[in-house]
Amino acid sequence: QVQLVESGGGSVQAGGSLRLSCAASGSTYSVYTIRWFRQAPGKAREVVATISTDGTATYADSVKGRFTISKDNAKNSLYLQMNSLKPQDTGMYYCAAGRPGMGFIYWGQGTQVTVSS
């Protein structure tokens, strides 16, 4: 069982930065693939970034070069550094943990990011 709690969301103007955090309890991050998702009002949920157990990171094309996913296994924490934010980055951001064969079954409650133009 893993409990995830996101923080760090807020309102920012276009071009600004935010750093999202996801703290885990109940288990260690090191055995899970961790993913950030986002969902804008009226739109489908989309994958933003993923970090695997070996630290390999992948990103959605829309955020490549602007967002950086990282983790600190010792602190059971995951981060999403978001730079050069755009209004289209607005949405609820969720972190999720999963393992092969089980999918992403552990989710946080989400943190809202609002980017104004």
Protein backbone atom coordinates (compact mmCIF):
# COMPACT_ATOMS: atom_id res chain seq x y z
CA GLN A 1 0.00 0.00 0.00
CA VAL A 2 1.28 3.44 -0.96
CA GLN A 3 -0.15 6.80 -0.02
CA LEU A 4 0.76 9.76 -2.21
CA VAL A 5 0.36 13.43 -1.39
CA GLU A 6 1.04 16.14 -3.96
CA SER A 7 1.91 19.73 -3.17
CA GLY A 8 3.37 22.78 -4.84
CA GLY A 9 0.60 23.76 -7.19
CA GLY A 10 -0.58 27.31 -7.55
CA SER A 11 -1.24 30.16 -9.91
CA VAL A 12 1.51 31.63 -12.04
CA GLN A 13 1.83 33.79 -15.11
CA ALA A 14 2.96 32.38 -18.40
CA GLY A 15 6.71 31.97 -18.47
CA GLY A 16 6.88 31.29 -14.77
CA SER A 17 7.92 28.19 -12.87
CA LEU A 18 6.51 25.83 -10.30
CA ARG A 19 7.90 22.79 -8.56
CA LEU A 20 5.48 20.03 -7.69
CA SER A 21 6.26 17.48 -5.02
CA CYS A 22 4.79 14.09 -4.34
CA ALA A 23 5.48 12.51 -0.99
CA ALA A 24 4.99 8.80 -0.50
CA SER A 25 4.32 6.86 2.64
CA GLY A 26 3.69 3.21 3.32
CA SER A 27 6.28 1.94 0.89
CA THR A 28 9.41 2.97 -0.89
CA TYR A 29 9.47 4.68 -4.22
CA SER A 30 12.39 2.67 -5.43
CA VAL A 31 10.30 -0.33 -6.49
CA TYR A 32 7.73 1.69 -8.42
CA THR A 33 7.56 3.48 -11.69
CA ILE A 34 6.25 6.96 -10.94
CA ARG A 35 4.26 9.07 -13.31
CA TRP A 36 2.83 12.58 -13.34
CA PHE A 37 -0.53 12.99 -15.04
CA ARG A 38 -2.59 16.10 -15.61
CA GLN A 39 -6.16 16.78 -16.49
CA ALA A 40 -7.60 20.04 -17.71
CA PRO A 41 -11.32 20.78 -17.43
CA GLY A 42 -13.23 19.04 -20.19
CA LYS A 43 -10.18 17.19 -21.42
CA ALA A 44 -8.87 13.67 -21.05
CA ARG A 45 -6.17 12.89 -18.54
CA GLU A 46 -2.73 12.85 -20.10
CA VAL A 47 0.69 11.60 -19.11
CA VAL A 48 3.15 14.38 -18.43
CA ALA A 49 6.30 12.58 -17.34
CA THR A 50 7.45 9.20 -16.12
CA ILE A 51 10.46 8.06 -14.13
CA SER A 52 11.29 4.39 -13.98
CA THR A 53 12.92 2.42 -11.20
CA ASP A 54 16.34 2.88 -12.80
CA GLY A 55 15.85 6.64 -13.03
CA THR A 56 15.08 6.81 -16.73
CA ALA A 57 12.80 9.74 -17.44
CA THR A 58 10.40 10.22 -20.34
CA TYR A 59 8.23 13.19 -21.19
CA ALA A 60 5.22 14.13 -23.22
CA ASP A 61 6.22 16.05 -26.33
CA SER A 62 4.31 19.06 -25.07
CA VAL A 63 6.57 19.46 -22.02
CA LYS A 64 9.96 18.28 -23.29
CA GLY A 65 12.66 20.79 -22.56
CA ARG A 66 10.50 22.62 -20.03
CA PHE A 67 9.66 20.04 -17.36
CA THR A 68 12.02 17.82 -15.37
CA ILE A 69 10.95 14.82 -13.33
CA SER A 70 13.17 13.59 -10.52
CA LYS A 71 12.98 11.51 -7.40
CA ASP A 72 14.71 11.12 -4.10
CA ASN A 73 14.34 7.52 -2.98
CA ALA A 74 15.83 8.26 0.41
CA LYS A 75 13.06 10.78 1.05
CA ASN A 76 10.37 8.79 -0.77
CA SER A 77 9.65 11.90 -2.78
CA LEU A 78 9.07 12.73 -6.40
CA TYR A 79 9.37 16.12 -8.03
CA LEU A 80 8.23 17.85 -11.20
CA GLN A 81 10.09 21.05 -12.00
CA MET A 82 8.03 23.04 -14.47
CA ASN A 83 9.62 25.96 -16.26
CA SER A 84 8.43 28.25 -19.04
CA LEU A 85 4.87 27.47 -18.14
CA LYS A 86 2.14 28.04 -20.69
CA PRO A 87 -1.62 28.52 -20.24
CA GLN A 88 -2.13 25.09 -21.79
CA ASP A 89 -0.25 23.58 -18.85
CA THR A 90 -3.20 24.48 -16.64
CA GLY A 91 -4.85 21.52 -14.97
CA MET A 92 -4.95 19.22 -12.00
CA TYR A 93 -1.69 17.37 -11.63
CA TYR A 94 -1.54 13.91 -10.10
CA CYS A 95 1.31 11.61 -9.22
CA ALA A 96 0.80 7.90 -9.46
CA ALA A 97 2.84 4.81 -8.67
CA GLY A 98 2.75 1.45 -10.35
CA ARG A 99 4.62 -1.66 -11.25
CA PRO A 100 4.63 -3.84 -14.36
CA GLY A 101 1.55 -5.99 -14.50
CA MET A 102 -0.37 -3.95 -11.97
CA GLY A 103 -0.66 -0.58 -13.67
CA PHE A 104 -0.75 2.72 -11.83
CA ILE A 105 -2.95 1.86 -8.90
CA TYR A 106 -1.73 4.34 -6.30
CA TRP A 107 -2.77 7.94 -6.82
CA GLY A 108 -2.51 11.19 -4.97
CA GLN A 109 -5.36 13.65 -4.55
CA GLY A 110 -3.92 16.10 -7.06
CA THR A 111 -2.64 19.64 -6.97
CA GLN A 112 -4.00 22.45 -9.14
CA VAL A 113 -1.77 24.37 -11.52
CA THR A 114 -3.16 27.49 -13.17
CA VAL A 115 -1.15 29.43 -15.72
CA SER A 116 -2.49 32.77 -16.86
CA SER A 117 -1.52 34.56 -20.04
